[in-house]
Protein backbone atom coordinates (compact mmCIF):
# COMPACT_ATOMS: atom_id res chain seq x y z
CA MET A 1 6.07 6.45 -7.28
CA ASN A 2 5.56 9.25 -9.78
CA VAL A 3 6.68 12.76 -8.84
CA LYS A 4 6.25 14.22 -12.33
CA ASP A 5 3.17 13.96 -14.54
CA TRP A 6 4.62 14.67 -17.98
CA PRO A 7 8.13 15.08 -19.40
CA GLU A 8 9.31 18.44 -20.63
CA ILE A 9 10.26 19.06 -24.26
CA GLY A 10 13.98 18.42 -24.65
CA GLU A 11 14.14 16.15 -21.60
CA PHE A 12 15.89 12.79 -21.83
CA VAL A 13 13.72 9.89 -20.66
CA VAL A 14 14.26 6.18 -20.00
CA CYS A 15 11.87 4.01 -22.02
CA THR A 16 10.99 0.36 -22.47
CA VAL A 17 10.24 -0.73 -26.03
CA ARG A 18 6.80 -2.35 -26.24
CA ARG A 19 5.82 -2.59 -29.92
CA VAL A 20 7.97 -2.28 -33.02
CA MET A 21 5.97 -1.36 -36.13
CA ASP A 22 6.95 -0.58 -39.70
CA PHE A 23 6.29 3.14 -39.18
CA GLY A 24 7.77 3.53 -35.70
CA VAL A 25 8.22 2.29 -32.16
CA PHE A 26 5.80 2.45 -29.22
CA VAL A 27 7.49 2.71 -25.83
CA GLU A 28 6.58 3.11 -22.17
CA LEU A 29 8.20 5.95 -20.23
CA ASP A 30 9.58 4.29 -17.10
CA GLU A 31 9.72 7.50 -15.07
CA TYR A 32 6.18 8.60 -15.91
CA GLY A 33 3.98 5.75 -14.79
CA GLY A 34 4.30 3.84 -18.04
CA LYS A 35 2.84 6.59 -20.25
CA GLU A 36 3.10 5.67 -23.92
CA GLY A 37 5.35 7.47 -26.37
CA LEU A 38 6.02 7.12 -30.09
CA ILE A 39 9.33 7.16 -31.91
CA HIS A 40 8.58 7.76 -35.60
CA ILE A 41 10.80 5.76 -37.94
CA SER A 42 12.48 9.01 -39.02
CA GLU A 43 13.61 9.52 -35.39
CA VAL A 44 14.98 6.02 -34.84
CA ALA A 45 18.39 6.53 -36.45
CA SER A 46 20.25 8.98 -38.65
CA GLY A 47 19.92 8.21 -42.32
CA TRP A 48 17.54 5.78 -44.01
CA VAL A 49 16.21 2.99 -41.80
CA LYS A 50 15.55 -0.13 -43.91
CA TYR A 51 14.78 -2.58 -41.13
CA ILE A 52 13.61 -0.90 -37.93
CA ARG A 53 14.29 -4.04 -35.90
CA ASP A 54 17.98 -3.66 -36.68
CA HIS A 55 17.90 -0.72 -34.26
CA VAL A 56 15.35 -1.61 -31.56
CA ARG A 57 13.62 -4.68 -30.16
CA GLU A 58 10.76 -5.38 -27.76
CA GLY A 59 11.73 -5.25 -24.09
CA GLN A 60 14.82 -3.13 -24.70
CA LYS A 61 15.67 -0.22 -22.37
CA ILE A 62 16.51 2.91 -24.34
CA VAL A 63 17.00 6.62 -23.71
CA CYS A 64 15.02 9.06 -25.85
CA LYS A 65 14.73 12.81 -26.21
CA THR A 66 11.26 14.32 -25.80
CA LEU A 67 10.18 16.18 -28.96
CA ASN A 68 6.54 16.99 -28.24
CA VAL A 69 4.02 16.49 -25.43
CA ASP A 70 0.25 16.74 -25.76
CA PRO A 71 -1.43 15.84 -22.43
CA GLU A 72 -4.94 16.35 -23.86
CA LYS A 73 -4.36 13.73 -26.56
CA LEU A 74 -2.17 11.62 -24.24
CA HIS A 75 0.52 11.77 -26.89
CA ILE A 76 4.33 12.01 -26.57
CA ASP A 77 6.72 12.20 -29.54
CA LEU A 78 10.25 10.96 -28.93
CA SER A 79 13.58 10.73 -30.71
CA LEU A 80 16.16 7.99 -30.34
CA LYS A 81 18.64 9.36 -32.87
CA ASP A 82 19.04 12.68 -31.00
CA VAL A 83 20.66 10.98 -28.00
CA ASN A 84 24.42 10.48 -28.09
CA GLU A 85 26.33 7.85 -26.10
CA HIS A 86 27.42 10.25 -23.37
CA GLN A 87 23.86 11.48 -22.85
CA ARG A 88 22.57 7.92 -22.80
CA ARG A 89 25.08 6.78 -20.16
CA GLU A 90 24.47 9.86 -18.03
CA LYS A 91 20.70 9.43 -18.13
CA ILE A 92 20.85 5.71 -17.36
CA GLN A 93 23.04 6.41 -14.31
CA GLU A 94 20.65 9.15 -13.16
CA TRP A 95 17.73 6.76 -13.58
CA LYS A 96 19.50 4.00 -11.62
CA ASN A 97 20.28 6.45 -8.83
CA GLU A 98 16.66 7.52 -8.73
CA GLN A 99 15.55 3.88 -8.49
CA LYS A 100 17.78 3.52 -5.41
CA ALA A 101 16.28 6.69 -3.91
CA VAL A 102 12.75 5.35 -4.44
CA LYS A 103 13.67 2.20 -2.49
CA TRP A 104 15.13 4.32 0.30
CA ILE A 105 11.94 6.41 0.44
CA ASP A 106 9.89 3.21 0.63
CA TYR A 107 12.08 1.96 3.49
CA ILE A 108 11.65 5.26 5.37
CA ALA A 109 7.90 5.13 4.75
CA LYS A 110 7.60 1.64 6.23
CA SER A 111 9.80 2.35 9.24
CA SER A 112 7.97 5.64 9.90
CA ASN A 113 4.47 4.22 9.26
CA LEU A 114 3.68 6.67 6.47
CA GLY A 115 0.56 6.18 4.38
CA ARG A 116 0.55 6.14 0.59
CA GLU A 117 -0.55 9.76 0.28
CA GLU A 118 2.08 10.85 2.81
CA VAL A 119 4.78 9.04 0.81
CA GLU A 120 3.70 10.68 -2.45
CA ASP A 121 3.61 14.06 -0.73
CA LEU A 122 7.11 13.54 0.73
CA ALA A 123 8.51 12.51 -2.64
CA LYS A 124 7.05 15.56 -4.38
CA LYS A 125 8.40 17.93 -1.72
CA LEU A 126 11.89 16.44 -2.04
CA TYR A 127 11.73 16.53 -5.81
CA ASN A 128 10.61 20.17 -5.85
CA ALA A 129 13.35 21.16 -3.41
CA PHE A 130 16.26 19.19 -4.87
CA GLY A 131 15.39 18.33 -8.49
CA THR A 132 15.64 14.56 -7.92
CA LEU A 133 15.05 12.25 -4.97
CA TYR A 134 18.64 11.03 -5.11
CA ALA A 135 19.92 14.60 -4.85
CA ALA A 136 18.02 15.01 -1.59
CA PHE A 137 19.91 12.05 -0.10
CA GLU A 138 23.20 13.42 -1.44
CA GLU A 139 22.55 16.76 0.23
CA ALA A 140 21.73 15.03 3.51
CA ARG A 141 24.92 12.97 3.32
CA ILE A 142 27.14 15.95 2.57
CA ASN A 143 25.55 18.70 4.68
CA GLY A 144 23.62 16.82 7.35
CA VAL A 145 20.03 16.89 8.52
CA ASP A 146 19.69 20.67 8.17
CA ALA A 147 19.95 20.28 4.39
CA VAL A 148 16.67 18.35 4.21
CA ARG A 149 14.71 20.36 6.75
CA VAL A 150 12.67 21.86 3.93
CA GLU A 151 9.19 23.27 4.43
CA GLY A 152 6.59 20.62 5.15
CA ILE A 153 9.00 17.80 6.04
CA ASP A 154 8.73 16.52 9.59
CA GLU A 155 11.84 16.54 11.79
CA ARG A 156 11.82 12.77 12.27
CA ILE A 157 11.58 12.22 8.51
CA ALA A 158 14.50 14.58 7.88
CA GLU A 159 16.51 12.59 10.43
CA ALA A 160 15.49 9.31 8.79
CA ILE A 161 16.56 10.58 5.36
CA THR A 162 19.93 11.62 6.77
CA ARG A 163 20.39 8.29 8.53
CA VAL A 164 19.66 6.32 5.33
CA ALA A 165 21.98 8.62 3.34
CA ASP A 166 24.79 8.10 5.86
CA GLU A 167 24.36 4.32 5.61
CA ASN A 168 24.23 4.12 1.82
CA LEU A 169 26.23 6.98 0.28
CA LYS A 170 29.89 7.86 0.24
CA ILE A 171 30.71 11.54 0.38
CA PRO A 172 32.14 12.67 -2.97
CA HIS A 173 35.26 14.78 -2.68
CA VAL A 174 37.95 16.55 -4.67
CA GLU A 175 41.38 17.71 -3.60
CA ILE A 176 43.31 20.80 -4.69
CA THR A 177 46.53 22.40 -3.53
CA GLY A 178 48.10 25.87 -3.38
CA PHE A 179 51.26 27.32 -1.88
CA VAL A 180 52.05 30.42 0.14
CA ASP A 181 55.45 31.96 0.89
CA ILE A 182 55.67 33.81 4.22
CA THR A 183 58.64 35.80 5.51
CA SER A 184 59.26 38.27 8.32
CA THR A 185 62.37 40.10 9.49
CA ARG A 186 60.82 41.10 12.77
CA PRO A 187 62.10 39.56 16.04
CA ASP A 188 58.76 37.79 16.47
CA GLY A 189 58.76 36.60 12.86
CA ILE A 190 58.12 32.94 13.75
CA GLU A 191 55.05 33.89 15.74
CA ILE A 192 53.80 36.06 12.86
CA ILE A 193 54.10 33.08 10.49
CA LYS A 194 52.30 30.76 12.92
CA LYS A 195 49.54 33.30 13.47
CA SER A 196 49.08 33.81 9.71
CA LEU A 197 48.86 30.08 8.97
CA LEU A 198 46.43 29.54 11.84
CA ALA A 199 44.21 32.32 10.47
CA GLY A 200 44.13 30.57 7.09
CA LYS A 201 43.16 27.30 8.70
CA LYS A 202 40.41 28.78 10.88
CA ILE A 203 38.35 30.44 8.14
CA LYS A 204 34.66 29.59 8.14
CA LYS A 205 34.20 26.49 6.00
CA ASN A 206 31.39 25.98 3.51
CA GLY A 207 30.00 22.76 5.01
CA LYS A 208 31.29 20.26 7.54
CA ASN A 209 32.99 18.13 4.87
CA VAL A 210 35.55 20.75 3.88
CA LYS A 211 39.06 20.21 5.24
CA ILE A 212 42.05 22.56 5.23
CA ASP A 213 45.52 21.13 5.85
CA ILE A 214 48.55 23.41 5.93
CA SER A 215 52.02 21.90 6.00
CA TYR A 216 55.64 23.08 5.86
CA ILE A 217 57.47 22.48 2.56
CA GLY A 218 60.72 24.36 3.12
CA ALA A 219 61.47 27.97 4.04
CA PRO A 220 59.60 30.12 3.20
CA ARG A 221 57.01 27.81 1.58
CA TYR A 222 53.85 26.26 3.03
CA ARG A 223 51.37 23.98 1.34
CA ILE A 224 47.58 24.53 1.58
CA HIS A 225 45.68 21.33 0.81
CA ILE A 226 41.88 21.51 0.44
CA THR A 227 39.45 18.59 0.47
CA ALA A 228 35.84 19.45 -0.44
CA PRO A 229 32.69 17.93 -2.00
CA ASP A 230 33.26 19.69 -5.35
CA TYR A 231 35.73 21.91 -7.19
CA LYS A 232 33.72 25.10 -6.78
CA ILE A 233 33.75 24.81 -2.99
CA ALA A 234 37.39 23.71 -3.01
CA GLU A 235 38.55 26.65 -5.13
CA ASN A 236 36.56 29.12 -3.03
CA THR A 237 38.03 27.70 0.18
CA LEU A 238 41.59 27.83 -1.15
CA LYS A 239 41.09 31.44 -2.22
CA ARG A 240 39.69 32.55 1.14
CA SER A 241 42.33 30.65 3.13
CA SER A 242 45.26 32.09 1.18
CA GLU A 243 43.81 35.60 1.31
CA GLU A 244 43.40 35.36 5.08
CA ILE A 245 47.01 34.20 5.48
CA ILE A 246 48.31 37.07 3.35
CA LYS A 247 46.13 39.66 5.09
CA THR A 248 47.17 38.49 8.57
CA ALA A 249 50.86 38.39 7.66
CA HIS A 250 50.88 41.87 6.16
CA LYS A 251 48.93 43.30 9.08
CA ALA A 252 51.52 41.89 11.49
CA GLY A 253 54.45 43.29 9.52
CA GLY A 254 55.37 40.23 7.48
CA ASN A 255 55.26 39.43 3.76
CA ALA A 256 53.24 36.69 2.05
CA THR A 257 52.49 35.68 -1.54
CA PHE A 258 50.31 32.92 -2.95
CA HIS A 259 50.87 30.78 -6.02
CA ARG A 260 49.02 27.74 -7.25
CA HIS A 261 52.00 25.58 -8.21
CA ASP A 262 55.13 24.61 -6.29
CA LYS A 263 57.87 26.32 -8.27
């Protein structure tokens, strides 16, 4: 299943080494239907390469950086030396994830009786909407079926994607904490505090997998604990929750301050 025709310059690609020559290495690009690419000997490793087979061998899986693409001449220039270990590991994991997603798409296709052209069309729509097939399943797992109701995708297919995502993916999450001090000298001070904390807990959440827990630490301190799919959402939720608590407390005649660490 190929959702992209040619790699972009600067893109990292997974390759299989096919032929090792004195002047360079011929590889197949696994993500591009086995298109052939060339790694010139000068791009195999930094410094002088005496024996090219000391660096690569036939059948080996490697990650390369795309230097040049010429579709008319069916030619792709690649570099092995321009890929560091972190980039290699990250790309290999992305590729493995995409292989899983392809299998899930195939399963959905069989269970939904989709033809070959329908499968290719579905894959391209998901890729265009989410960047990778795996990302589409991640979105479905985190945000539900609405996340994959993109233009041109049938309702039953969106539900099938979500069902497969729920069965195969764990929801990623991060946890952060902040603290708020609330006081009130009014006769109904306890009610003001309860009302303020409830307001902070009831803010509109960014997705169904965001959780807000508020607990008592010791007068006048309360702990706001946020669980969310990523740090950006978590930080935004903590900010909005604490601001709502402070606003509600002040409006009711109380005092409230927020700080990130328990002093």
